[in-house]
Amino acid sequence: MTKSTFLHLRFPFSFFLLPVFVFGVAIAQPEDWTRTTLVFFILHFLLYPASNGYNSYFDQDEGSIGGLEHPPEATKNLYGWSLILDLLALGLGLLIDWRFSGLLLIYGLVSKAYSHPLIRLKKRPILGWLAVGVFQGYFTFLMTVFGVSTYHIDLFDWQWQLPALLSSMLLLGSYPMTQIYQHKEDKERGDITISLKLGILGTFYFTGTFFFISTLGFIYYFKETYSPQTGLLFIILMLPVVGYFFYWFLIVRKDANKADFRHTMRLNLVSALMLNLFFLIFALNL
């Protein structure tokens, strides 16, 4: 594995996707922590990096990408390692359950369709947005719950469906923000992302609306399923995220060039830190 390949796999970027896993674990309350650790490893050290590498290879970005401000050249070595990590994920997934391995396969195929030139969902603003929001949210939540549970569960039960849908609401709102600094390169390449369609300020309005709706959904869910205090804790821990979002928004209104990589990564980091902290506290207090 070359240094370029290692960087493009973007292992640290998996931290931004960790909240959905922690939420799923918190709700499922697993008893087998060896199994849970294996599911965590498969998702965050194999499946997600494989997806990152595969998409980087076909995108051939010259500007900043998620987790890499100055990406090196994406080579054939990266393509090969992305497939190796995918195969390792599927193989280890069989140790959990063949159906879990099947879910990993479906996720991997959809993630490949996002950037592969024959399909390239990234060129389709609505389909690309839905694919990311549904599979990194709803689908991953249910995949986590299924993977960590040692007892039979009905994934179509509302007990799992509601938190899975809420997970997607967060992703559907936050994902356009991750594209906001790539407008120029995406437009030149012909990738019409949803953020590009919305425009810079439109992306802020869109994300703010989705975040508000998903927050109301989470408050309702925690209040009705657990306690009003849990919903209140969610609001309190989201305040730093809201504060930074509005701070950045006011800066961008004065200077559109501030819709850049560094501000985007800071928002992602604050959001991931606060969500992971909340779901961890939530899990420990159930």
C-alpha atoms as a PDB file:
ATOM      1  CA  MET A   1       0.000   0.000   0.000  1.00  0.00           C
ATOM      2  CA  THR A   2       1.447   3.358  -1.032  1.00  0.00           C
ATOM      3  CA  LYS A   3       1.267   6.533   1.054  1.00  0.00           C
ATOM      4  CA  SER A   4      -1.088   8.050  -1.531  1.00  0.00           C
ATOM      5  CA  THR A   5      -3.439   5.087  -1.225  1.00  0.00           C
ATOM      6  CA  PHE A   6      -3.407   5.204   2.576  1.00  0.00           C
ATOM      7  CA  LEU A   7      -4.303   8.892   2.540  1.00  0.00           C
ATOM      8  CA  HIS A   8      -7.138   8.396   0.047  1.00  0.00           C
ATOM      9  CA  LEU A   9      -8.688   5.626   2.146  1.00  0.00           C
ATOM     10  CA  ARG A  10      -9.274   8.382   4.690  1.00  0.00           C
ATOM     11  CA  PHE A  11      -9.584   6.216   7.802  1.00  0.00           C
ATOM     12  CA  PRO A  12     -10.084   9.240  10.126  1.00  0.00           C
ATOM     13  CA  PHE A  13     -13.066  10.344   8.012  1.00  0.00           C
ATOM     14  CA  SER A  14     -14.983   7.335   9.337  1.00  0.00           C
ATOM     15  CA  PHE A  15     -15.320   9.254  12.608  1.00  0.00           C
ATOM     16  CA  PHE A  16     -17.868  11.516  10.924  1.00  0.00           C
ATOM     17  CA  LEU A  17     -20.035   8.456  10.181  1.00  0.00           C
ATOM     18  CA  LEU A  18     -19.649   6.981  13.665  1.00  0.00           C
ATOM     19  CA  PRO A  19     -22.794   8.592  15.210  1.00  0.00           C
ATOM     20  CA  VAL A  20     -25.137   6.308  13.250  1.00  0.00           C
ATOM     21  CA  PHE A  21     -23.276   3.232  14.532  1.00  0.00           C
ATOM     22  CA  VAL A  22     -23.278   4.477  18.145  1.00  0.00           C
ATOM     23  CA  PHE A  23     -26.994   5.290  17.876  1.00  0.00           C
ATOM     24  CA  GLY A  24     -27.729   1.799  16.569  1.00  0.00           C
ATOM     25  CA  VAL A  25     -25.710   0.187  19.354  1.00  0.00           C
ATOM     26  CA  ALA A  26     -27.442   2.363  21.955  1.00  0.00           C
ATOM     27  CA  ILE A  27     -30.891   1.279  20.764  1.00  0.00           C
ATOM     28  CA  ALA A  28     -29.999  -2.395  20.229  1.00  0.00           C
ATOM     29  CA  GLN A  29     -28.235  -2.758  23.607  1.00  0.00           C
ATOM     30  CA  PRO A  30     -26.049  -5.705  22.460  1.00  0.00           C
ATOM     31  CA  GLU A  31     -24.858  -8.395  24.855  1.00  0.00           C
ATOM     32  CA  ASP A  32     -21.954  -9.733  22.798  1.00  0.00           C
ATOM     33  CA  TRP A  33     -19.290  -7.008  22.757  1.00  0.00           C
ATOM     34  CA  THR A  34     -16.841  -9.082  20.754  1.00  0.00           C
ATOM     35  CA  ARG A  35     -19.418  -9.239  17.977  1.00  0.00           C
ATOM     36  CA  THR A  36     -20.161  -5.528  18.337  1.00  0.00           C
ATOM     37  CA  THR A  37     -16.455  -4.663  18.097  1.00  0.00           C
ATOM     38  CA  LEU A  38     -16.147  -6.772  14.950  1.00  0.00           C
ATOM     39  CA  VAL A  39     -19.097  -4.958  13.351  1.00  0.00           C
ATOM     40  CA  PHE A  40     -17.473  -1.636  14.258  1.00  0.00           C
ATOM     41  CA  PHE A  41     -14.168  -2.714  12.708  1.00  0.00           C
ATOM     42  CA  ILE A  42     -15.801  -3.977   9.515  1.00  0.00           C
ATOM     43  CA  LEU A  43     -17.745  -0.765   8.965  1.00  0.00           C
ATOM     44  CA  HIS A  44     -15.207   1.856   9.965  1.00  0.00           C
ATOM     45  CA  PHE A  45     -11.907   0.256   8.995  1.00  0.00           C
ATOM     46  CA  LEU A  46     -12.919  -1.731   5.925  1.00  0.00           C
ATOM     47  CA  LEU A  47     -16.260  -0.783   4.338  1.00  0.00           C
ATOM     48  CA  TYR A  48     -16.085   3.004   4.658  1.00  0.00           C
ATOM     49  CA  PRO A  49     -12.388   3.326   3.675  1.00  0.00           C
ATOM     50  CA  ALA A  50     -13.019   1.011   0.705  1.00  0.00           C
ATOM     51  CA  SER A  51     -15.843   3.296  -0.413  1.00  0.00           C
ATOM     52  CA  ASN A  52     -13.658   6.379   0.072  1.00  0.00           C
ATOM     53  CA  GLY A  53     -10.829   4.899  -1.978  1.00  0.00           C
ATOM     54  CA  TYR A  54     -13.027   3.614  -4.788  1.00  0.00           C
ATOM     55  CA  ASN A  55     -14.781   6.952  -5.203  1.00  0.00           C
ATOM     56  CA  SER A  56     -11.505   8.876  -5.025  1.00  0.00           C
ATOM     57  CA  TYR A  57     -10.071   6.723  -7.808  1.00  0.00           C
ATOM     58  CA  PHE A  58     -12.947   7.463 -10.186  1.00  0.00           C
ATOM     59  CA  ASP A  59     -13.332  11.115  -9.164  1.00  0.00           C
ATOM     60  CA  GLN A  60      -9.643  11.970  -9.616  1.00  0.00           C
ATOM     61  CA  ASP A  61     -10.150  15.162  -7.631  1.00  0.00           C
ATOM     62  CA  GLU A  62      -7.528  17.868  -7.826  1.00  0.00           C
ATOM     63  CA  GLY A  63      -9.119  20.067  -5.153  1.00  0.00           C
ATOM     64  CA  SER A  64      -9.969  19.320  -1.531  1.00  0.00           C
ATOM     65  CA  ILE A  65     -12.127  16.315  -0.664  1.00  0.00           C
ATOM     66  CA  GLY A  66     -13.647  15.148   2.612  1.00  0.00           C
ATOM     67  CA  GLY A  67     -10.786  14.674   5.049  1.00  0.00           C
ATOM     68  CA  LEU A  68      -8.029  15.668   2.591  1.00  0.00           C
ATOM     69  CA  GLU A  69      -7.294  19.303   1.884  1.00  0.00           C
ATOM     70  CA  HIS A  70      -4.585  18.496  -0.681  1.00  0.00           C
ATOM     71  CA  PRO A  71      -5.276  14.999  -2.059  1.00  0.00           C
ATOM     72  CA  PRO A  72      -2.406  13.191  -3.808  1.00  0.00           C
ATOM     73  CA  GLU A  73      -2.885  11.423  -7.128  1.00  0.00           C
ATOM     74  CA  ALA A  74      -5.318   8.518  -6.984  1.00  0.00           C
ATOM     75  CA  THR A  75      -3.575   5.549  -8.612  1.00  0.00           C
ATOM     76  CA  LYS A  76      -4.345   1.961  -9.617  1.00  0.00           C
ATOM     77  CA  ASN A  77      -2.894   0.913  -6.278  1.00  0.00           C
ATOM     78  CA  LEU A  78      -5.799   2.736  -4.605  1.00  0.00           C
ATOM     79  CA  TYR A  79      -8.323   0.985  -6.836  1.00  0.00           C
ATOM     80  CA  GLY A  80      -6.862  -2.407  -5.962  1.00  0.00           C
ATOM     81  CA  TRP A  81      -6.803  -1.765  -2.221  1.00  0.00           C
ATOM     82  CA  SER A  82     -10.372  -0.474  -2.220  1.00  0.00           C
ATOM     83  CA  LEU A  83     -11.497  -3.817  -3.667  1.00  0.00           C
ATOM     84  CA  ILE A  84      -9.314  -5.763  -1.214  1.00  0.00           C
ATOM     85  CA  LEU A  85     -10.867  -3.954   1.748  1.00  0.00           C
ATOM     86  CA  ASP A  86     -14.326  -4.613   0.331  1.00  0.00           C
ATOM     87  CA  LEU A  87     -13.575  -8.348   0.070  1.00  0.00           C
ATOM     88  CA  LEU A  88     -12.168  -8.406   3.600  1.00  0.00           C
ATOM     89  CA  ALA A  89     -15.346  -6.708   4.843  1.00  0.00           C
ATOM     90  CA  LEU A  90     -17.538  -9.295   3.120  1.00  0.00           C
ATOM     91  CA  GLY A  91     -15.405 -12.163   4.430  1.00  0.00           C
ATOM     92  CA  LEU A  92     -15.409 -10.961   8.028  1.00  0.00           C
ATOM     93  CA  GLY A  93     -19.106 -10.173   7.674  1.00  0.00           C
ATOM     94  CA  LEU A  94     -19.744 -13.887   7.183  1.00  0.00           C
ATOM     95  CA  LEU A  95     -18.447 -14.423  10.731  1.00  0.00           C
ATOM     96  CA  ILE A  96     -21.406 -12.335  11.892  1.00  0.00           C
ATOM     97  CA  ASP A  97     -24.089 -13.694   9.558  1.00  0.00           C
ATOM     98  CA  TRP A  98     -24.354 -14.320   5.824  1.00  0.00           C
ATOM     99  CA  ARG A  99     -27.224 -11.837   5.691  1.00  0.00           C
ATOM    100  CA  PHE A 100     -25.064  -9.185   7.329  1.00  0.00           C
ATOM    101  CA  SER A 101     -22.441  -9.831   4.664  1.00  0.00           C
ATOM    102  CA  GLY A 102     -25.201  -9.370   2.079  1.00  0.00           C
ATOM    103  CA  LEU A 103     -26.075  -5.978   3.550  1.00  0.00           C
ATOM    104  CA  LEU A 104     -22.407  -4.991   3.323  1.00  0.00           C
ATOM    105  CA  LEU A 105     -22.420  -6.019  -0.333  1.00  0.00           C
ATOM    106  CA  ILE A 106     -25.481  -3.877  -1.073  1.00  0.00           C
ATOM    107  CA  TYR A 107     -23.920  -0.861   0.653  1.00  0.00           C
ATOM    108  CA  GLY A 108     -20.682  -1.349  -1.265  1.00  0.00           C
ATOM    109  CA  LEU A 109     -22.445  -1.572  -4.631  1.00  0.00           C
ATOM    110  CA  VAL A 110     -24.456   1.593  -3.995  1.00  0.00           C
ATOM    111  CA  SER A 111     -21.346   3.492  -2.885  1.00  0.00           C
ATOM    112  CA  LYS A 112     -19.581   2.409  -6.090  1.00  0.00           C
ATOM    113  CA  ALA A 113     -22.534   3.540  -8.193  1.00  0.00           C
ATOM    114  CA  TYR A 114     -22.059   7.018  -6.747  1.00  0.00           C
ATOM    115  CA  SER A 115     -18.811   7.627  -8.651  1.00  0.00           C
ATOM    116  CA  HIS A 116     -18.476   4.914 -11.305  1.00  0.00           C
ATOM    117  CA  PRO A 117     -18.740   6.511 -14.781  1.00  0.00           C
ATOM    118  CA  LEU A 118     -21.302   3.966 -16.033  1.00  0.00           C
ATOM    119  CA  ILE A 119     -23.840   5.089 -13.408  1.00  0.00           C
ATOM    120  CA  ARG A 120     -22.338   8.028 -11.498  1.00  0.00           C
ATOM    121  CA  LEU A 121     -25.143   9.003  -9.138  1.00  0.00           C
ATOM    122  CA  LYS A 122     -23.048  12.053  -8.300  1.00  0.00           C
ATOM    123  CA  LYS A 123     -24.203  13.573 -11.613  1.00  0.00           C
ATOM    124  CA  ARG A 124     -27.827  13.200 -10.535  1.00  0.00           C
ATOM    125  CA  PRO A 125     -28.523  15.694  -7.725  1.00  0.00           C
ATOM    126  CA  ILE A 126     -31.644  14.091  -6.247  1.00  0.00           C
ATOM    127  CA  LEU A 127     -30.688  10.436  -6.710  1.00  0.00           C
ATOM    128  CA  GLY A 128     -27.158  11.040  -5.424  1.00  0.00           C
ATOM    129  CA  TRP A 129     -28.455  12.916  -2.403  1.00  0.00           C
ATOM    130  CA  LEU A 130     -31.009  10.205  -1.597  1.00  0.00           C
ATOM    131  CA  ALA A 131     -28.483   7.399  -2.083  1.00  0.00           C
ATOM    132  CA  VAL A 132     -26.059   8.915   0.422  1.00  0.00           C
ATOM    133  CA  GLY A 133     -28.723   9.976   2.914  1.00  0.00           C
ATOM    134  CA  VAL A 134     -30.580   6.658   2.868  1.00  0.00           C
ATOM    135  CA  PHE A 135     -27.591   4.318   2.837  1.00  0.00           C
ATOM    136  CA  GLN A 136     -25.336   6.188   5.267  1.00  0.00           C
ATOM    137  CA  GLY A 137     -28.302   6.805   7.570  1.00  0.00           C
ATOM    138  CA  TYR A 138     -31.329   4.487   7.412  1.00  0.00           C
ATOM    139  CA  PHE A 139     -29.568   1.486   5.877  1.00  0.00           C
ATOM    140  CA  THR A 140     -26.446   1.711   8.062  1.00  0.00           C
ATOM    141  CA  PHE A 141     -28.521   2.048  11.238  1.00  0.00           C
ATOM    142  CA  LEU A 142     -30.489  -1.101  10.431  1.00  0.00           C
ATOM    143  CA  MET A 143     -27.326  -2.907   9.316  1.00  0.00           C
ATOM    144  CA  THR A 144     -25.701  -2.026  12.651  1.00  0.00           C
ATOM    145  CA  VAL A 145     -28.691  -3.184  14.676  1.00  0.00           C
ATOM    146  CA  PHE A 146     -28.847  -6.465  12.753  1.00  0.00           C
ATOM    147  CA  GLY A 147     -25.095  -6.996  13.028  1.00  0.00           C
ATOM    148  CA  VAL A 148     -24.724  -6.429  16.779  1.00  0.00           C
ATOM    149  CA  SER A 149     -27.888  -8.285  17.837  1.00  0.00           C
ATOM    150  CA  THR A 150     -27.614 -11.926  18.897  1.00  0.00           C
ATOM    151  CA  TYR A 151     -31.387 -12.352  19.117  1.00  0.00           C
ATOM    152  CA  HIS A 152     -34.023 -12.344  16.367  1.00  0.00           C
ATOM    153  CA  ILE A 153     -35.261  -8.890  15.436  1.00  0.00           C
ATOM    154  CA  ASP A 154     -37.787  -7.675  12.910  1.00  0.00           C
ATOM    155  CA  LEU A 155     -36.098  -4.742  11.183  1.00  0.00           C
ATOM    156  CA  PHE A 156     -39.456  -3.607   9.814  1.00  0.00           C
ATOM    157  CA  ASP A 157     -40.792  -3.062  13.322  1.00  0.00           C
ATOM    158  CA  TRP A 158     -41.411   0.606  14.156  1.00  0.00           C
ATOM    159  CA  GLN A 159     -39.012   0.184  17.084  1.00  0.00           C
ATOM    160  CA  TRP A 160     -36.174   0.163  14.545  1.00  0.00           C
ATOM    161  CA  GLN A 161     -37.743   2.012  11.632  1.00  0.00           C
ATOM    162  CA  LEU A 162     -38.286   5.337  13.403  1.00  0.00           C
ATOM    163  CA  PRO A 163     -34.676   5.801  14.642  1.00  0.00           C
ATOM    164  CA  ALA A 164     -33.433   4.579  11.245  1.00  0.00           C
ATOM    165  CA  LEU A 165     -35.507   7.244   9.485  1.00  0.00           C
ATOM    166  CA  LEU A 166     -34.283   9.897  11.918  1.00  0.00           C
ATOM    167  CA  SER A 167     -30.703   8.873  11.139  1.00  0.00           C
ATOM    168  CA  SER A 168     -31.381   9.498   7.456  1.00  0.00           C
ATOM    169  CA  MET A 169     -32.959  12.864   8.181  1.00  0.00           C
ATOM    170  CA  LEU A 170     -29.683  13.992   9.748  1.00  0.00           C
ATOM    171  CA  LEU A 171     -27.653  12.718   6.787  1.00  0.00           C
ATOM    172  CA  LEU A 172     -30.016  14.191   4.188  1.00  0.00           C
ATOM    173  CA  GLY A 173     -29.573  17.566   5.833  1.00  0.00           C
ATOM    174  CA  SER A 174     -25.845  17.460   6.490  1.00  0.00           C
ATOM    175  CA  TYR A 175     -24.627  15.856   3.255  1.00  0.00           C
ATOM    176  CA  PRO A 176     -25.157  18.889   0.971  1.00  0.00           C
ATOM    177  CA  MET A 177     -22.911  20.893   3.320  1.00  0.00           C
ATOM    178  CA  THR A 178     -20.034  18.517   2.573  1.00  0.00           C
ATOM    179  CA  GLN A 179     -20.301  19.478  -1.113  1.00  0.00           C
ATOM    180  CA  ILE A 180     -20.421  23.239  -0.638  1.00  0.00           C
ATOM    181  CA  TYR A 181     -16.714  23.873  -1.227  1.00  0.00           C
ATOM    182  CA  GLN A 182     -16.541  21.666  -4.340  1.00  0.00           C
ATOM    183  CA  HIS A 183     -18.916  23.618  -6.591  1.00  0.00           C
ATOM    184  CA  LYS A 184     -16.274  24.809  -9.033  1.00  0.00           C
ATOM    185  CA  GLU A 185     -14.641  21.396  -9.566  1.00  0.00           C
ATOM    186  CA  ASP A 186     -17.973  19.552  -9.676  1.00  0.00           C
ATOM    187  CA  LYS A 187     -19.341  21.969 -12.288  1.00  0.00           C
ATOM    188  CA  GLU A 188     -16.238  21.659 -14.464  1.00  0.00           C
ATOM    189  CA  ARG A 189     -16.512  17.849 -14.334  1.00  0.00           C
ATOM    190  CA  GLY A 190     -20.235  17.842 -15.039  1.00  0.00           C
ATOM    191  CA  ASP A 191     -21.271  16.563 -11.605  1.00  0.00           C
ATOM    192  CA  ILE A 192     -24.485  18.372 -10.747  1.00  0.00           C
ATOM    193  CA  THR A 193     -24.678  17.799  -6.983  1.00  0.00           C
ATOM    194  CA  ILE A 194     -27.637  18.913  -4.911  1.00  0.00           C
ATOM    195  CA  SER A 195     -25.477  21.573  -3.241  1.00  0.00           C
ATOM    196  CA  LEU A 196     -24.499  22.940  -6.648  1.00  0.00           C
ATOM    197  CA  LYS A 197     -28.183  23.128  -7.622  1.00  0.00           C
ATOM    198  CA  LEU A 198     -29.076  24.866  -4.362  1.00  0.00           C
ATOM    199  CA  GLY A 199     -26.209  27.344  -4.455  1.00  0.00           C
ATOM    200  CA  ILE A 200     -24.086  28.322  -1.475  1.00  0.00           C
ATOM    201  CA  LEU A 201     -26.694  30.162   0.592  1.00  0.00           C
ATOM    202  CA  GLY A 202     -29.405  27.776  -0.584  1.00  0.00           C
ATOM    203  CA  THR A 203     -27.369  24.894   0.842  1.00  0.00           C
ATOM    204  CA  PHE A 204     -27.301  26.620   4.230  1.00  0.00           C
ATOM    205  CA  TYR A 205     -31.066  27.163   4.168  1.00  0.00           C
ATOM    206  CA  PHE A 206     -31.663  23.583   3.061  1.00  0.00           C
ATOM    207  CA  THR A 207     -29.423  22.088   5.754  1.00  0.00           C
ATOM    208  CA  GLY A 208     -30.867  24.351   8.444  1.00  0.00           C
ATOM    209  CA  THR A 209     -34.414  23.294   7.536  1.00  0.00           C
ATOM    210  CA  PHE A 210     -33.584  19.575   7.598  1.00  0.00           C
ATOM    211  CA  PHE A 211     -31.677  19.922  10.856  1.00  0.00           C
ATOM    212  CA  PHE A 212     -34.639  21.701  12.468  1.00  0.00           C
ATOM    213  CA  ILE A 213     -37.105  19.022  11.301  1.00  0.00           C
ATOM    214  CA  SER A 214     -34.822  16.133  12.338  1.00  0.00           C
ATOM    215  CA  THR A 215     -34.249  17.752  15.742  1.00  0.00           C
ATOM    216  CA  LEU A 216     -37.997  17.908  16.324  1.00  0.00           C
ATOM    217  CA  GLY A 217     -38.179  14.253  15.299  1.00  0.00           C
ATOM    218  CA  PHE A 218     -35.442  13.230  17.723  1.00  0.00           C
ATOM    219  CA  ILE A 219     -37.050  15.186  20.569  1.00  0.00           C
ATOM    220  CA  TYR A 220     -40.392  13.494  19.911  1.00  0.00           C
ATOM    221  CA  TYR A 221     -38.744  10.058  19.674  1.00  0.00           C
ATOM    222  CA  PHE A 222     -36.753  10.393  22.901  1.00  0.00           C
ATOM    223  CA  LYS A 223     -39.652  11.975  24.799  1.00  0.00           C
ATOM    224  CA  GLU A 224     -42.171   9.318  23.775  1.00  0.00           C
ATOM    225  CA  THR A 225     -39.840   6.298  23.902  1.00  0.00           C
ATOM    226  CA  TYR A 226     -37.526   7.195  26.792  1.00  0.00           C
ATOM    227  CA  SER A 227     -37.894  10.444  28.744  1.00  0.00           C
ATOM    228  CA  PRO A 228     -38.284  14.225  28.276  1.00  0.00           C
ATOM    229  CA  GLN A 229     -34.847  14.615  29.900  1.00  0.00           C
ATOM    230  CA  THR A 230     -33.256  12.665  27.051  1.00  0.00           C
ATOM    231  CA  GLY A 231     -34.793  15.021  24.501  1.00  0.00           C
ATOM    232  CA  LEU A 232     -33.575  18.007  26.532  1.00  0.00           C
ATOM    233  CA  LEU A 233     -30.046  16.591  26.642  1.00  0.00           C
ATOM    234  CA  PHE A 234     -30.130  16.216  22.860  1.00  0.00           C
ATOM    235  CA  ILE A 235     -31.036  19.909  22.481  1.00  0.00           C
ATOM    236  CA  ILE A 236     -28.292  21.014  24.872  1.00  0.00           C
ATOM    237  CA  LEU A 237     -25.556  18.994  23.162  1.00  0.00           C
ATOM    238  CA  MET A 238     -26.627  20.216  19.716  1.00  0.00           C
ATOM    239  CA  LEU A 239     -26.237  23.869  20.715  1.00  0.00           C
ATOM    240  CA  PRO A 240     -22.507  24.007  19.761  1.00  0.00           C
ATOM    241  CA  VAL A 241     -23.409  22.617  16.324  1.00  0.00           C
ATOM    242  CA  VAL A 242     -26.147  25.214  15.826  1.00  0.00           C
ATOM    243  CA  GLY A 243     -23.856  27.965  17.119  1.00  0.00           C
ATOM    244  CA  TYR A 244     -21.049  27.135  14.708  1.00  0.00           C
ATOM    245  CA  PHE A 245     -23.495  26.695  11.809  1.00  0.00           C
ATOM    246  CA  PHE A 246     -24.940  30.194  12.273  1.00  0.00           C
ATOM    247  CA  TYR A 247     -21.503  31.700  12.858  1.00  0.00           C
ATOM    248  CA  TRP A 248     -20.294  30.230   9.567  1.00  0.00           C
ATOM    249  CA  PHE A 249     -23.483  31.236   7.771  1.00  0.00           C
ATOM    250  CA  LEU A 250     -23.015  34.904   8.776  1.00  0.00           C
ATOM    251  CA  ILE A 251     -19.414  34.818   7.531  1.00  0.00           C
ATOM    252  CA  VAL A 252     -20.418  33.277   4.201  1.00  0.00           C
ATOM    253  CA  ARG A 253     -23.147  35.891   3.682  1.00  0.00           C
ATOM    254  CA  LYS A 254     -20.398  38.517   3.647  1.00  0.00           C
ATOM    255  CA  ASP A 255     -17.826  36.467   1.749  1.00  0.00           C
ATOM    256  CA  ALA A 256     -18.866  33.421  -0.310  1.00  0.00           C
ATOM    257  CA  ASN A 257     -15.225  32.287  -0.437  1.00  0.00           C
ATOM    258  CA  LYS A 258     -15.551  31.304   3.226  1.00  0.00           C
ATOM    259  CA  ALA A 259     -17.690  28.353   2.098  1.00  0.00           C
ATOM    260  CA  ASP A 260     -14.449  26.417   2.031  1.00  0.00           C
ATOM    261  CA  PHE A 261     -12.905  23.096   3.022  1.00  0.00           C
ATOM    262  CA  ARG A 262     -11.669  24.115   6.471  1.00  0.00           C
ATOM    263  CA  HIS A 263     -14.968  25.550   7.673  1.00  0.00           C
ATOM    264  CA  THR A 264     -16.785  22.490   6.340  1.00  0.00           C
ATOM    265  CA  MET A 265     -14.488  20.090   8.188  1.00  0.00           C
ATOM    266  CA  ARG A 266     -14.861  22.099  11.400  1.00  0.00           C
ATOM    267  CA  LEU A 267     -18.652  21.851  11.170  1.00  0.00           C
ATOM    268  CA  ASN A 268     -18.372  18.109  10.507  1.00  0.00           C
ATOM    269  CA  LEU A 269     -16.050  17.694  13.484  1.00  0.00           C
ATOM    270  CA  VAL A 270     -18.227  19.650  15.916  1.00  0.00           C
ATOM    271  CA  SER A 271     -21.330  17.801  14.727  1.00  0.00           C
ATOM    272  CA  ALA A 272     -19.693  14.354  14.989  1.00  0.00           C
ATOM    273  CA  LEU A 273     -18.234  15.097  18.427  1.00  0.00           C
ATOM    274  CA  MET A 274     -21.548  16.290  19.864  1.00  0.00           C
ATOM    275  CA  LEU A 275     -23.618  13.491  18.309  1.00  0.00           C
ATOM    276  CA  ASN A 276     -21.176  10.802  19.417  1.00  0.00           C
ATOM    277  CA  LEU A 277     -21.114  12.280  22.926  1.00  0.00           C
ATOM    278  CA  PHE A 278     -24.902  12.364  23.112  1.00  0.00           C
ATOM    279  CA  PHE A 279     -25.415   8.824  21.840  1.00  0.00           C
ATOM    280  CA  LEU A 280     -22.680   7.531  24.166  1.00  0.00           C
ATOM    281  CA  ILE A 281     -24.300   9.183  27.212  1.00  0.00           C
ATOM    282  CA  PHE A 282     -27.672   7.936  26.002  1.00  0.00           C
ATOM    283  CA  ALA A 283     -26.372   4.356  25.683  1.00  0.00           C
ATOM    284  CA  LEU A 284     -24.736   4.355  29.118  1.00  0.00           C
ATOM    285  CA  ASN A 285     -27.890   5.601  30.816  1.00  0.00           C
ATOM    286  CA  LEU A 286     -30.375   3.168  29.310  1.00  0.00           C
END
